Each structure stands twice: as structure tokens, then as C-alpha cells.
PDB file of N, CA and C in Angstrom:
ATOM      1  N   MET A   1      67.884  59.862  93.593  1.00  0.00           N
ATOM      2  CA  MET A   1      69.109  60.091  94.326  1.00  0.00           C
ATOM      3  C   MET A   1      68.794  60.867  95.606  1.00  0.00           C
ATOM      4  N   GLU A   2      69.350  60.422  96.697  1.00  0.00           N
ATOM      5  CA  GLU A   2      69.106  61.032  97.988  1.00  0.00           C
ATOM      6  C   GLU A   2      70.015  62.239  98.196  1.00  0.00           C
ATOM      7  N   LYS A   3      69.447  63.311  98.764  1.00  0.00           N
ATOM      8  CA  LYS A   3      70.234  64.511  99.044  1.00  0.00           C
ATOM      9  C   LYS A   3      71.145  64.282 100.238  1.00  0.00           C
ATOM     10  N   PHE A   4      72.315  64.841 100.134  1.00  0.00           N
ATOM     11  CA  PHE A   4      73.269  64.782 101.235  1.00  0.00           C
ATOM     12  C   PHE A   4      73.046  66.013 102.094  1.00  0.00           C
ATOM     13  N   ILE A   5      72.607  65.799 103.325  1.00  0.00           N
ATOM     14  CA  ILE A   5      72.290  66.913 104.217  1.00  0.00           C
ATOM     15  C   ILE A   5      73.196  66.838 105.435  1.00  0.00           C
ATOM     16  N   ILE A   6      73.792  67.971 105.749  1.00  0.00           N
ATOM     17  CA  ILE A   6      74.649  68.081 106.925  1.00  0.00           C
ATOM     18  C   ILE A   6      73.847  68.749 108.032  1.00  0.00           C
ATOM     19  N   LYS A   7      73.890  68.171 109.213  1.00  0.00           N
ATOM     20  CA  LYS A   7      73.205  68.764 110.354  1.00  0.00           C
ATOM     21  C   LYS A   7      73.784  70.143 110.653  1.00  0.00           C
ATOM     22  N   LYS A   8      72.934  70.997 111.201  1.00  0.00           N
ATOM     23  CA  LYS A   8      73.383  72.341 111.549  1.00  0.00           C
ATOM     24  C   LYS A   8      74.526  72.299 112.567  1.00  0.00           C
ATOM     25  N   SER A   9      74.455  71.383 113.522  1.00  0.00           N
ATOM     26  CA  SER A   9      75.524  71.289 114.519  1.00  0.00           C
ATOM     27  C   SER A   9      76.837  70.834 113.884  1.00  0.00           C
ATOM     28  N   THR A  10      76.749  69.997 112.857  1.00  0.00           N
ATOM     29  CA  THR A  10      77.953  69.548 112.159  1.00  0.00           C
ATOM     30  C   THR A  10      78.555  70.682 111.348  1.00  0.00           C
ATOM     31  N   SER A  11      77.713  71.434 110.651  1.00  0.00           N
ATOM     32  CA  SER A  11      78.238  72.552 109.860  1.00  0.00           C
ATOM     33  C   SER A  11      78.815  73.628 110.775  1.00  0.00           C
ATOM     34  N   ASP A  12      78.210  73.820 111.935  1.00  0.00           N
ATOM     35  CA  ASP A  12      78.756  74.768 112.914  1.00  0.00           C
ATOM     36  C   ASP A  12      80.146  74.320 113.351  1.00  0.00           C
ATOM     37  N   PHE A  13      80.297  73.043 113.675  1.00  0.00           N
ATOM     38  CA  PHE A  13      81.600  72.529 114.093  1.00  0.00           C
ATOM     39  C   PHE A  13      82.626  72.665 112.966  1.00  0.00           C
ATOM     40  N   LEU A  14      82.244  72.324 111.736  1.00  0.00           N
ATOM     41  CA  LEU A  14      83.183  72.411 110.621  1.00  0.00           C
ATOM     42  C   LEU A  14      83.643  73.849 110.398  1.00  0.00           C
ATOM     43  N   PHE A  15      82.722  74.795 110.519  1.00  0.00           N
ATOM     44  CA  PHE A  15      83.104  76.201 110.367  1.00  0.00           C
ATOM     45  C   PHE A  15      84.049  76.618 111.493  1.00  0.00           C
ATOM     46  N   ARG A  16      83.700  76.261 112.737  1.00  0.00           N
ATOM     47  CA  ARG A  16      84.555  76.609 113.877  1.00  0.00           C
ATOM     48  C   ARG A  16      85.931  75.963 113.740  1.00  0.00           C
ATOM     49  N   PHE A  17      85.970  74.733 113.267  1.00  0.00           N
ATOM     50  CA  PHE A  17      87.237  74.038 113.071  1.00  0.00           C
ATOM     51  C   PHE A  17      88.102  74.785 112.052  1.00  0.00           C
ATOM     52  N   GLY A  18      87.518  75.143 110.915  1.00  0.00           N
ATOM     53  CA  GLY A  18      88.269  75.864 109.888  1.00  0.00           C
ATOM     54  C   GLY A  18      88.760  77.214 110.352  1.00  0.00           C
ATOM     55  N   LEU A  19      87.896  77.968 111.015  1.00  0.00           N
ATOM     56  CA  LEU A  19      88.291  79.290 111.511  1.00  0.00           C
ATOM     57  C   LEU A  19      89.354  79.170 112.599  1.00  0.00           C
ATOM     58  N   SER A  20      89.186  78.234 113.495  1.00  0.00           N
ATOM     59  CA  SER A  20      90.148  78.099 114.590  1.00  0.00           C
ATOM     60  C   SER A  20      91.520  77.656 114.092  1.00  0.00           C
ATOM     61  N   ILE A  21      91.561  76.852 113.051  1.00  0.00           N
ATOM     62  CA  ILE A  21      92.839  76.387 112.494  1.00  0.00           C
ATOM     63  C   ILE A  21      93.680  77.561 112.012  1.00  0.00           C
ATOM     64  N   ILE A  22      93.040  78.596 111.487  1.00  0.00           N
ATOM     65  CA  ILE A  22      93.775  79.791 111.048  1.00  0.00           C
ATOM     66  C   ILE A  22      94.559  80.373 112.223  1.00  0.00           C
ATOM     67  N   PHE A  23      93.914  80.457 113.382  1.00  0.00           N
ATOM     68  CA  PHE A  23      94.582  81.007 114.561  1.00  0.00           C
ATOM     69  C   PHE A  23      95.650  80.060 115.096  1.00  0.00           C
ATOM     70  N   LEU A  24      95.395  78.753 115.026  1.00  0.00           N
ATOM     71  CA  LEU A  24      96.408  77.791 115.468  1.00  0.00           C
ATOM     72  C   LEU A  24      97.664  77.907 114.604  1.00  0.00           C
ATOM     73  N   LEU A  25      97.493  77.961 113.296  1.00  0.00           N
ATOM     74  CA  LEU A  25      98.654  78.074 112.408  1.00  0.00           C
ATOM     75  C   LEU A  25      99.431  79.354 112.674  1.00  0.00           C
ATOM     76  N   ASN A  26      98.723  80.441 112.887  1.00  0.00           N
ATOM     77  CA  ASN A  26      99.398  81.707 113.173  1.00  0.00           C
ATOM     78  C   ASN A  26     100.161  81.630 114.494  1.00  0.00           C
ATOM     79  N   SER A  27      99.581  80.971 115.479  1.00  0.00           N
ATOM     80  CA  SER A  27     100.263  80.789 116.751  1.00  0.00           C
ATOM     81  C   SER A  27     101.538  79.964 116.576  1.00  0.00           C
ATOM     82  N   LEU A  28     101.456  78.905 115.796  1.00  0.00           N
ATOM     83  CA  LEU A  28     102.631  78.059 115.558  1.00  0.00           C
ATOM     84  C   LEU A  28     103.733  78.831 114.840  1.00  0.00           C
ATOM     85  N   VAL A  29     103.347  79.686 113.906  1.00  0.00           N
ATOM     86  CA  VAL A  29     104.342  80.525 113.221  1.00  0.00           C
ATOM     87  C   VAL A  29     105.006  81.457 114.224  1.00  0.00           C
ATOM     88  N   ALA A  30     104.223  82.031 115.123  1.00  0.00           N
ATOM     89  CA  ALA A  30     104.799  82.928 116.132  1.00  0.00           C
ATOM     90  C   ALA A  30     105.810  82.189 117.003  1.00  0.00           C
ATOM     91  N   TRP A  31     105.527  80.948 117.352  1.00  0.00           N
ATOM     92  CA  TRP A  31     106.422  80.195 118.229  1.00  0.00           C
ATOM     93  C   TRP A  31     107.635  79.647 117.505  1.00  0.00           C
ATOM     94  N   PHE A  32     107.447  79.174 116.278  1.00  0.00           N
ATOM     95  CA  PHE A  32     108.526  78.448 115.604  1.00  0.00           C
ATOM     96  C   PHE A  32     109.214  79.217 114.478  1.00  0.00           C
ATOM     97  N   SER A  33     108.609  80.325 114.042  1.00  0.00           N
ATOM     98  CA  SER A  33     109.220  81.137 112.993  1.00  0.00           C
ATOM     99  C   SER A  33     108.931  82.618 113.253  1.00  0.00           C
ATOM    100  N   PRO A  34     109.377  83.123 114.384  1.00  0.00           N
ATOM    101  CA  PRO A  34     109.020  84.487 114.781  1.00  0.00           C
ATOM    102  C   PRO A  34     109.563  85.570 113.858  1.00  0.00           C
ATOM    103  N   ASP A  35     110.588  85.261 113.079  1.00  0.00           N
ATOM    104  CA  ASP A  35     111.150  86.267 112.172  1.00  0.00           C
ATOM    105  C   ASP A  35     110.117  86.785 111.175  1.00  0.00           C
ATOM    106  N   GLU A  36     109.109  85.961 110.868  1.00  0.00           N
ATOM    107  CA  GLU A  36     108.064  86.397 109.939  1.00  0.00           C
ATOM    108  C   GLU A  36     107.264  87.572 110.493  1.00  0.00           C
ATOM    109  N   PHE A  37     107.208  87.693 111.815  1.00  0.00           N
ATOM    110  CA  PHE A  37     106.479  88.783 112.444  1.00  0.00           C
ATOM    111  C   PHE A  37     107.383  89.946 112.848  1.00  0.00           C
ATOM    112  N   LEU A  38     108.616  89.661 113.159  1.00  0.00           N
ATOM    113  CA  LEU A  38     109.498  90.691 113.709  1.00  0.00           C
ATOM    114  C   LEU A  38     109.662  91.892 112.779  1.00  0.00           C
ATOM    115  N   GLY A  39     109.821  91.643 111.488  1.00  0.00           N
ATOM    116  CA  GLY A  39     109.988  92.744 110.539  1.00  0.00           C
ATOM    117  C   GLY A  39     108.790  93.672 110.521  1.00  0.00           C
ATOM    118  N   LEU A  40     107.595  93.088 110.482  1.00  0.00           N
ATOM    119  CA  LEU A  40     106.378  93.905 110.477  1.00  0.00           C
ATOM    120  C   LEU A  40     106.226  94.688 111.775  1.00  0.00           C
ATOM    121  N   LEU A  41     106.523  94.032 112.884  1.00  0.00           N
ATOM    122  CA  LEU A  41     106.373  94.694 114.175  1.00  0.00           C
ATOM    123  C   LEU A  41     107.403  95.806 114.364  1.00  0.00           C
ATOM    124  N   LYS A  42     108.637  95.582 113.904  1.00  0.00           N
ATOM    125  CA  LYS A  42     109.671  96.608 114.028  1.00  0.00           C
ATOM    126  C   LYS A  42     109.361  97.821 113.167  1.00  0.00           C
ATOM    127  N   ASN A  43     108.716  97.598 112.012  1.00  0.00           N
ATOM    128  CA  ASN A  43     108.416  98.695 111.087  1.00  0.00           C
ATOM    129  C   ASN A  43     107.176  99.480 111.475  1.00  0.00           C
ATOM    130  N   ASN A  44     106.392  98.987 112.420  1.00  0.00           N
ATOM    131  CA  ASN A  44     105.186  99.692 112.829  1.00  0.00           C
ATOM    132  C   ASN A  44     105.506 100.565 114.043  1.00  0.00           C
ATOM    133  N   PRO A  45     105.374 101.882 113.885  1.00  0.00           N
ATOM    134  CA  PRO A  45     105.762 102.776 114.982  1.00  0.00           C
ATOM    135  C   PRO A  45     104.926 102.597 116.251  1.00  0.00           C
ATOM    136  N   LEU A  46     103.634 102.325 116.109  1.00  0.00           N
ATOM    137  CA  LEU A  46     102.793 102.166 117.295  1.00  0.00           C
ATOM    138  C   LEU A  46     103.130 100.876 118.044  1.00  0.00           C
ATOM    139  N   ALA A  47     103.260  99.775 117.317  1.00  0.00           N
ATOM    140  CA  ALA A  47     103.597  98.494 117.960  1.00  0.00           C
ATOM    141  C   ALA A  47     104.949  98.580 118.654  1.00  0.00           C
ATOM    142  N   SER A  48     105.913  99.214 117.999  1.00  0.00           N
ATOM    143  CA  SER A  48     107.251  99.346 118.593  1.00  0.00           C
ATOM    144  C   SER A  48     107.250 100.286 119.793  1.00  0.00           C
ATOM    145  N   ALA A  49     106.394 101.298 119.759  1.00  0.00           N
ATOM    146  CA  ALA A  49     106.335 102.244 120.871  1.00  0.00           C
ATOM    147  C   ALA A  49     105.691 101.624 122.112  1.00  0.00           C
ATOM    148  N   ILE A  50     104.759 100.719 121.912  1.00  0.00           N
ATOM    149  CA  ILE A  50     104.057 100.102 123.040  1.00  0.00           C
ATOM    150  C   ILE A  50     104.933  99.070 123.737  1.00  0.00           C
ATOM    151  N   ALA A  51     105.583  98.227 122.937  1.00  0.00           N
ATOM    152  CA  ALA A  51     106.394  97.157 123.540  1.00  0.00           C
ATOM    153  C   ALA A  51     107.447  96.690 122.547  1.00  0.00           C
ATOM    154  N   ASN A  52     108.430  95.998 123.074  1.00  0.00           N
ATOM    155  CA  ASN A  52     109.472  95.386 122.267  1.00  0.00           C
ATOM    156  C   ASN A  52     108.830  94.380 121.301  1.00  0.00           C
ATOM    157  N   PRO A  53     109.235  94.373 120.022  1.00  0.00           N
ATOM    158  CA  PRO A  53     108.650  93.418 119.078  1.00  0.00           C
ATOM    159  C   PRO A  53     108.737  91.958 119.536  1.00  0.00           C
ATOM    160  N   GLN A  54     109.791  91.598 120.251  1.00  0.00           N
ATOM    161  CA  GLN A  54     109.902  90.223 120.742  1.00  0.00           C
ATOM    162  C   GLN A  54     108.777  89.905 121.739  1.00  0.00           C
ATOM    163  N   PHE A  55     108.403  90.889 122.538  1.00  0.00           N
ATOM    164  CA  PHE A  55     107.288  90.714 123.464  1.00  0.00           C
ATOM    165  C   PHE A  55     105.997  90.450 122.709  1.00  0.00           C
ATOM    166  N   TRP A  56     105.795  91.197 121.597  1.00  0.00           N
ATOM    167  CA  TRP A  56     104.596  91.002 120.782  1.00  0.00           C
ATOM    168  C   TRP A  56     104.515  89.586 120.219  1.00  0.00           C
ATOM    169  N   ILE A  57     105.656  88.972 119.943  1.00  0.00           N
ATOM    170  CA  ILE A  57     105.663  87.597 119.433  1.00  0.00           C
ATOM    171  C   ILE A  57     105.017  86.666 120.461  1.00  0.00           C
ATOM    172  N   TYR A  58     105.359  86.843 121.736  1.00  0.00           N
ATOM    173  CA  TYR A  58     104.743  86.030 122.795  1.00  0.00           C
ATOM    174  C   TYR A  58     103.244  86.296 122.889  1.00  0.00           C
ATOM    175  N   ILE A  59     102.865  87.560 122.783  1.00  0.00           N
ATOM    176  CA  ILE A  59     101.447  87.920 122.832  1.00  0.00           C
ATOM    177  C   ILE A  59     100.697  87.268 121.668  1.00  0.00           C
ATOM    178  N   ILE A  60     101.262  87.335 120.481  1.00  0.00           N
ATOM    179  CA  ILE A  60     100.636  86.717 119.299  1.00  0.00           C
ATOM    180  C   ILE A  60     100.473  85.215 119.516  1.00  0.00           C
ATOM    181  N   GLY A  61     101.537  84.566 119.958  1.00  0.00           N
ATOM    182  CA  GLY A  61     101.487  83.119 120.165  1.00  0.00           C
ATOM    183  C   GLY A  61     100.436  82.705 121.172  1.00  0.00           C
ATOM    184  N   ILE A  62     100.377  83.410 122.295  1.00  0.00           N
ATOM    185  CA  ILE A  62      99.403  83.083 123.339  1.00  0.00           C
ATOM    186  C   ILE A  62      97.989  83.445 122.902  1.00  0.00           C
ATOM    187  N   ASN A  63      97.811  84.639 122.374  1.00  0.00           N
ATOM    188  CA  ASN A  63      96.492  85.094 121.943  1.00  0.00           C
ATOM    189  C   ASN A  63      95.900  84.146 120.904  1.00  0.00           C
ATOM    190  N   ASP A  64      96.686  83.796 119.906  1.00  0.00           N
ATOM    191  CA  ASP A  64      96.146  82.992 118.823  1.00  0.00           C
ATOM    192  C   ASP A  64      95.860  81.555 119.238  1.00  0.00           C
ATOM    193  N   VAL A  65      96.645  80.992 120.152  1.00  0.00           N
ATOM    194  CA  VAL A  65      96.323  79.642 120.623  1.00  0.00           C
ATOM    195  C   VAL A  65      95.064  79.679 121.494  1.00  0.00           C
ATOM    196  N   LEU A  66      94.873  80.749 122.259  1.00  0.00           N
ATOM    197  CA  LEU A  66      93.640  80.886 123.035  1.00  0.00           C
ATOM    198  C   LEU A  66      92.428  81.035 122.121  1.00  0.00           C
ATOM    199  N   LEU A  67      92.554  81.855 121.068  1.00  0.00           N
ATOM    200  CA  LEU A  67      91.449  81.991 120.124  1.00  0.00           C
ATOM    201  C   LEU A  67      91.155  80.658 119.437  1.00  0.00           C
ATOM    202  N   PHE A  68      92.198  79.909 119.095  1.00  0.00           N
ATOM    203  CA  PHE A  68      92.005  78.579 118.511  1.00  0.00           C
ATOM    204  C   PHE A  68      91.147  77.711 119.430  1.00  0.00           C
ATOM    205  N   LEU A  69      91.535  77.620 120.687  1.00  0.00           N
ATOM    206  CA  LEU A  69      90.831  76.750 121.634  1.00  0.00           C
ATOM    207  C   LEU A  69      89.402  77.223 121.889  1.00  0.00           C
ATOM    208  N   LEU A  70      89.232  78.525 122.057  1.00  0.00           N
ATOM    209  CA  LEU A  70      87.907  79.050 122.379  1.00  0.00           C
ATOM    210  C   LEU A  70      86.950  78.988 121.195  1.00  0.00           C
ATOM    211  N   ILE A  71      87.425  79.292 120.014  1.00  0.00           N
ATOM    212  CA  ILE A  71      86.561  79.173 118.831  1.00  0.00           C
ATOM    213  C   ILE A  71      86.188  77.713 118.604  1.00  0.00           C
ATOM    214  N   LEU A  72      87.152  76.835 118.731  1.00  0.00           N
ATOM    215  CA  LEU A  72      86.887  75.409 118.546  1.00  0.00           C
ATOM    216  C   LEU A  72      85.860  74.908 119.561  1.00  0.00           C
ATOM    217  N   SER A  73      85.912  75.407 120.783  1.00  0.00           N
ATOM    218  CA  SER A  73      84.971  74.965 121.820  1.00  0.00           C
ATOM    219  C   SER A  73      83.545  75.416 121.521  1.00  0.00           C
ATOM    220  N   GLY A  74      83.395  76.544 120.837  1.00  0.00           N
ATOM    221  CA  GLY A  74      82.063  77.048 120.515  1.00  0.00           C
ATOM    222  C   GLY A  74      81.380  77.770 121.662  1.00  0.00           C
ATOM    223  N   ARG A  75      82.058  77.961 122.744  1.00  0.00           N
ATOM    224  CA  ARG A  75      81.468  78.627 123.899  1.00  0.00           C
ATOM    225  C   ARG A  75      81.747  80.140 123.836  1.00  0.00           C
ATOM    226  N   TRP A  76      80.865  80.901 124.429  1.00  0.00           N
ATOM    227  CA  TRP A  76      80.994  82.361 124.503  1.00  0.00           C
ATOM    228  C   TRP A  76      81.274  82.984 123.131  1.00  0.00           C
ATOM    229  N   ARG A  77      80.574  82.497 122.122  1.00  0.00           N
ATOM    230  CA  ARG A  77      80.925  82.852 120.751  1.00  0.00           C
ATOM    231  C   ARG A  77      80.863  84.344 120.465  1.00  0.00           C
ATOM    232  N   ARG A  78      79.909  85.054 121.007  1.00  0.00           N
ATOM    233  CA  ARG A  78      79.849  86.494 120.714  1.00  0.00           C
ATOM    234  C   ARG A  78      81.034  87.236 121.317  1.00  0.00           C
ATOM    235  N   ALA A  79      81.349  86.963 122.554  1.00  0.00           N
ATOM    236  CA  ALA A  79      82.488  87.626 123.199  1.00  0.00           C
ATOM    237  C   ALA A  79      83.794  87.257 122.494  1.00  0.00           C
ATOM    238  N   ILE A  80      83.948  85.997 122.149  1.00  0.00           N
ATOM    239  CA  ILE A  80      85.161  85.542 121.464  1.00  0.00           C
ATOM    240  C   ILE A  80      85.240  86.159 120.073  1.00  0.00           C
ATOM    241  N   ALA A  81      84.105  86.269 119.394  1.00  0.00           N
ATOM    242  CA  ALA A  81      84.098  86.872 118.054  1.00  0.00           C
ATOM    243  C   ALA A  81      84.490  88.346 118.118  1.00  0.00           C
ATOM    244  N   VAL A  82      84.015  89.064 119.127  1.00  0.00           N
ATOM    245  CA  VAL A  82      84.400  90.476 119.290  1.00  0.00           C
ATOM    246  C   VAL A  82      85.898  90.566 119.556  1.00  0.00           C
ATOM    247  N   TRP A  83      86.403  89.723 120.435  1.00  0.00           N
ATOM    248  CA  TRP A  83      87.838  89.676 120.741  1.00  0.00           C
ATOM    249  C   TRP A  83      88.627  89.400 119.468  1.00  0.00           C
ATOM    250  N   ALA A  84      88.223  88.379 118.718  1.00  0.00           N
ATOM    251  CA  ALA A  84      88.941  88.020 117.493  1.00  0.00           C
ATOM    252  C   ALA A  84      88.856  89.136 116.449  1.00  0.00           C
ATOM    253  N   ALA A  85      87.705  89.794 116.345  1.00  0.00           N
ATOM    254  CA  ALA A  85      87.554  90.883 115.371  1.00  0.00           C
ATOM    255  C   ALA A  85      88.450  92.065 115.733  1.00  0.00           C
ATOM    256  N   LEU A  86      88.489  92.426 117.007  1.00  0.00           N
ATOM    257  CA  LEU A  86      89.367  93.521 117.429  1.00  0.00           C
ATOM    258  C   LEU A  86      90.830  93.161 117.191  1.00  0.00           C
ATOM    259  N   TRP A  87      91.174  91.916 117.452  1.00  0.00           N
ATOM    260  CA  TRP A  87      92.537  91.442 117.202  1.00  0.00           C
ATOM    261  C   TRP A  87      92.863  91.548 115.712  1.00  0.00           C
ATOM    262  N   MET A  88      91.929  91.147 114.851  1.00  0.00           N
ATOM    263  CA  MET A  88      92.175  91.199 113.408  1.00  0.00           C
ATOM    264  C   MET A  88      92.298  92.645 112.921  1.00  0.00           C
ATOM    265  N   VAL A  89      91.538  93.553 113.489  1.00  0.00           N
ATOM    266  CA  VAL A  89      91.676  94.972 113.132  1.00  0.00           C
ATOM    267  C   VAL A  89      93.066  95.464 113.511  1.00  0.00           C
ATOM    268  N   ALA A  90      93.545  95.070 114.673  1.00  0.00           N
ATOM    269  CA  ALA A  90      94.911  95.441 115.085  1.00  0.00           C
ATOM    270  C   ALA A  90      95.945  94.823 114.153  1.00  0.00           C
ATOM    271  N   VAL A  91      95.728  93.579 113.768  1.00  0.00           N
ATOM    272  CA  VAL A  91      96.647  92.910 112.832  1.00  0.00           C
ATOM    273  C   VAL A  91      96.660  93.635 111.493  1.00  0.00           C
ATOM    274  N   ILE A  92      95.496  94.033 111.015  1.00  0.00           N
ATOM    275  CA  ILE A  92      95.421  94.764 109.745  1.00  0.00           C
ATOM    276  C   ILE A  92      96.197  96.074 109.861  1.00  0.00           C
ATOM    277  N   TYR A  93      96.050  96.770 110.986  1.00  0.00           N
ATOM    278  CA  TYR A  93      96.786  98.020 111.174  1.00  0.00           C
ATOM    279  C   TYR A  93      98.298  97.790 111.141  1.00  0.00           C
ATOM    280  N   VAL A  94      98.752  96.764 111.826  1.00  0.00           N
ATOM    281  CA  VAL A  94     100.189  96.498 111.904  1.00  0.00           C
ATOM    282  C   VAL A  94     100.742  96.025 110.561  1.00  0.00           C
ATOM    283  N   THR A  95      99.972  95.261 109.822  1.00  0.00           N
ATOM    284  CA  THR A  95     100.471  94.656 108.580  1.00  0.00           C
ATOM    285  C   THR A  95     100.089  95.430 107.323  1.00  0.00           C
ATOM    286  N   ILE A  96      99.480  96.580 107.462  1.00  0.00           N
ATOM    287  CA  ILE A  96      99.023  97.334 106.287  1.00  0.00           C
ATOM    288  C   ILE A  96     100.186  97.643 105.338  1.00  0.00           C
ATOM    289  N   SER A  97     101.373  97.784 105.886  1.00  0.00           N
ATOM    290  CA  SER A  97     102.531  98.061 105.037  1.00  0.00           C
ATOM    291  C   SER A  97     102.992  96.815 104.285  1.00  0.00           C
ATOM    292  N   GLY A  98     102.436  95.666 104.614  1.00  0.00           N
ATOM    293  CA  GLY A  98     102.809  94.412 103.964  1.00  0.00           C
ATOM    294  C   GLY A  98     102.281  94.274 102.556  1.00  0.00           C
ATOM    295  N   GLY A  99     101.376  95.147 102.160  1.00  0.00           N
ATOM    296  CA  GLY A  99     100.869  95.126 100.805  1.00  0.00           C
ATOM    297  C   GLY A  99      99.441  94.629 100.705  1.00  0.00           C
ATOM    298  N   VAL A 100      98.964  94.582  99.478  1.00  0.00           N
ATOM    299  CA  VAL A 100      97.577  94.236  99.197  1.00  0.00           C
ATOM    300  C   VAL A 100      97.266  92.790  99.585  1.00  0.00           C
ATOM    301  N   THR A 101      98.178  91.883  99.348  1.00  0.00           N
ATOM    302  CA  THR A 101      97.936  90.470  99.651  1.00  0.00           C
ATOM    303  C   THR A 101      97.695  90.265 101.139  1.00  0.00           C
ATOM    304  N   GLU A 102      98.531  90.864 101.974  1.00  0.00           N
ATOM    305  CA  GLU A 102      98.354  90.774 103.429  1.00  0.00           C
ATOM    306  C   GLU A 102      97.006  91.360 103.831  1.00  0.00           C
ATOM    307  N   PHE A 103      96.674  92.504 103.254  1.00  0.00           N
ATOM    308  CA  PHE A 103      95.423  93.173 103.579  1.00  0.00           C
ATOM    309  C   PHE A 103      94.232  92.292 103.224  1.00  0.00           C
ATOM    310  N   ILE A 104      94.221  91.740 102.022  1.00  0.00           N
ATOM    311  CA  ILE A 104      93.112  90.894 101.579  1.00  0.00           C
ATOM    312  C   ILE A 104      92.998  89.645 102.459  1.00  0.00           C
ATOM    313  N   GLU A 105      94.131  89.050 102.787  1.00  0.00           N
ATOM    314  CA  GLU A 105      94.119  87.856 103.643  1.00  0.00           C
ATOM    315  C   GLU A 105      93.469  88.153 104.993  1.00  0.00           C
ATOM    316  N   HIS A 106      93.850  89.258 105.600  1.00  0.00           N
ATOM    317  CA  HIS A 106      93.322  89.577 106.918  1.00  0.00           C
ATOM    318  C   HIS A 106      91.876  90.058 106.870  1.00  0.00           C
ATOM    319  N   ILE A 107      91.495  90.736 105.813  1.00  0.00           N
ATOM    320  CA  ILE A 107      90.080  91.109 105.646  1.00  0.00           C
ATOM    321  C   ILE A 107      89.237  89.843 105.503  1.00  0.00           C
ATOM    322  N   GLY A 108      89.772  88.843 104.803  1.00  0.00           N
ATOM    323  CA  GLY A 108      89.061  87.570 104.679  1.00  0.00           C
ATOM    324  C   GLY A 108      88.839  86.910 106.026  1.00  0.00           C
ATOM    325  N   VAL A 109      89.869  86.862 106.849  1.00  0.00           N
ATOM    326  CA  VAL A 109      89.734  86.267 108.185  1.00  0.00           C
ATOM    327  C   VAL A 109      88.760  87.085 109.027  1.00  0.00           C
ATOM    328  N   LEU A 110      88.847  88.408 108.938  1.00  0.00           N
ATOM    329  CA  LEU A 110      87.920  89.273 109.671  1.00  0.00           C
ATOM    330  C   LEU A 110      86.475  89.001 109.247  1.00  0.00           C
ATOM    331  N   SER A 111      86.239  88.801 107.964  1.00  0.00           N
ATOM    332  CA  SER A 111      84.877  88.513 107.506  1.00  0.00           C
ATOM    333  C   SER A 111      84.376  87.182 108.051  1.00  0.00           C
ATOM    334  N   PHE A 112      85.245  86.177 108.162  1.00  0.00           N
ATOM    335  CA  PHE A 112      84.855  84.908 108.766  1.00  0.00           C
ATOM    336  C   PHE A 112      84.517  85.086 110.246  1.00  0.00           C
ATOM    337  N   VAL A 113      85.276  85.917 110.939  1.00  0.00           N
ATOM    338  CA  VAL A 113      85.016  86.180 112.353  1.00  0.00           C
ATOM    339  C   VAL A 113      83.676  86.886 112.515  1.00  0.00           C
ATOM    340  N   ILE A 114      83.387  87.839 111.648  1.00  0.00           N
ATOM    341  CA  ILE A 114      82.090  88.536 111.706  1.00  0.00           C
ATOM    342  C   ILE A 114      80.956  87.550 111.430  1.00  0.00           C
ATOM    343  N   TYR A 115      81.155  86.680 110.464  1.00  0.00           N
ATOM    344  CA  TYR A 115      80.144  85.652 110.188  1.00  0.00           C
ATOM    345  C   TYR A 115      79.951  84.759 111.413  1.00  0.00           C
ATOM    346  N   TYR A 116      81.035  84.388 112.061  1.00  0.00           N
ATOM    347  CA  TYR A 116      80.977  83.558 113.262  1.00  0.00           C
ATOM    348  C   TYR A 116      80.135  84.221 114.345  1.00  0.00           C
ATOM    349  N   TYR A 117      80.237  85.536 114.443  1.00  0.00           N
ATOM    350  CA  TYR A 117      79.453  86.285 115.435  1.00  0.00           C
ATOM    351  C   TYR A 117      77.952  86.111 115.184  1.00  0.00           C
ATOM    352  N   PHE A 118      77.544  86.184 113.915  1.00  0.00           N
ATOM    353  CA  PHE A 118      76.125  86.161 113.582  1.00  0.00           C
ATOM    354  C   PHE A 118      75.576  84.775 113.256  1.00  0.00           C
ATOM    355  N   ALA A 119      76.420  83.841 112.885  1.00  0.00           N
ATOM    356  CA  ALA A 119      75.955  82.544 112.392  1.00  0.00           C
ATOM    357  C   ALA A 119      75.550  81.608 113.511  1.00  0.00           C
ATOM    358  N   PHE A 120      74.694  80.698 113.147  1.00  0.00           N
ATOM    359  CA  PHE A 120      74.316  79.586 114.025  1.00  0.00           C
ATOM    360  C   PHE A 120      73.796  80.067 115.367  1.00  0.00           C
ATOM    361  N   GLN A 121      72.999  81.116 115.337  1.00  0.00           N
ATOM    362  CA  GLN A 121      72.450  81.658 116.575  1.00  0.00           C
ATOM    363  C   GLN A 121      71.253  80.822 117.005  1.00  0.00           C
ATOM    364  N   ARG A 122      71.494  79.894 117.866  1.00  0.00           N
ATOM    365  CA  ARG A 122      70.450  79.073 118.448  1.00  0.00           C
ATOM    366  C   ARG A 122      70.705  79.026 119.955  1.00  0.00           C
ATOM    367  N   PRO A 123      69.744  78.686 120.755  1.00  0.00           N
ATOM    368  CA  PRO A 123      69.933  78.745 122.207  1.00  0.00           C
ATOM    369  C   PRO A 123      71.147  77.968 122.714  1.00  0.00           C
ATOM    370  N   SER A 124      71.447  76.815 122.135  1.00  0.00           N
ATOM    371  CA  SER A 124      72.585  76.031 122.633  1.00  0.00           C
ATOM    372  C   SER A 124      73.927  76.604 122.206  1.00  0.00           C
ATOM    373  N   ALA A 125      73.944  77.428 121.155  1.00  0.00           N
ATOM    374  CA  ALA A 125      75.206  77.971 120.668  1.00  0.00           C
ATOM    375  C   ALA A 125      75.486  79.356 121.227  1.00  0.00           C
ATOM    376  N   GLU A 126      74.463  80.052 121.667  1.00  0.00           N
ATOM    377  CA  GLU A 126      74.632  81.420 122.138  1.00  0.00           C
ATOM    378  C   GLU A 126      74.892  81.417 123.637  1.00  0.00           C
ATOM    379  N   GLN A 127      76.113  81.810 124.012  1.00  0.00           N
ATOM    380  CA  GLN A 127      76.469  81.790 125.428  1.00  0.00           C
ATOM    381  C   GLN A 127      77.234  83.024 125.785  1.00  0.00           C
TER     382      GLN A 127
END
């Protein structure tokens, strides 16, 4: 029986596709179901002090669609991974009151972003 082998470039694309989809879905939720974010943003004193929660909805929608596109492209992966990791840390801070499930979900995404930073380091992927 022949082994099924996936090329490194294919596995890199599949990982980027999966990670980027998380950000695309979050962006779509921000645009089409903003109430899911408004409660968390209103309850966070720092987020509310910086800007109106409705403003944060626009920031979430734009930020996450940009992360979707940039992660999917595979370009500037280290800079994008740092951006995404800092964003996820901010998300964890804002949603910490959401409970253990929210925390675990966001830690999982953060771990994928950290892996993205270190994974597939080859000359054509590192930009």
C-alpha cells in the first residue's frame, strides 16, 4: 500500500486556510450579528472607556477580515502572526468574563497563531 503524502506547501496552505476561516467567521458575526459582541464590550470597563462599543464592532469586522486575507495569502507571516496574537490577547482580556468556554476557545486560536508564527519556516514562506 502506498503512503499518502501531502506536500509541505499544501499542508501550509491547508493550515492557513483553516486559521484564516476563524477570522473570517468572526468578521461576519461582527457585521451581521453584532449583538453577540455588544454585551461583552459594554461590560468591559477598558473597552468602553476607550471607545463606544458600536465603534469596536467596526474595528472587529475590519480587523478580522484583514487577518483572514493576510493569513490566507501567506505573506508577511511573522508580522501578521504577531498582530493576530496581540489581537487574541486583547480578545481574551475583553471576553474573560464570558467564562471558561470563551477562554479555552480563544486560547486555542492563540495557540494556532503562535504555531503559525513558527511553522513552515522556509525561505519562500518567510517574508
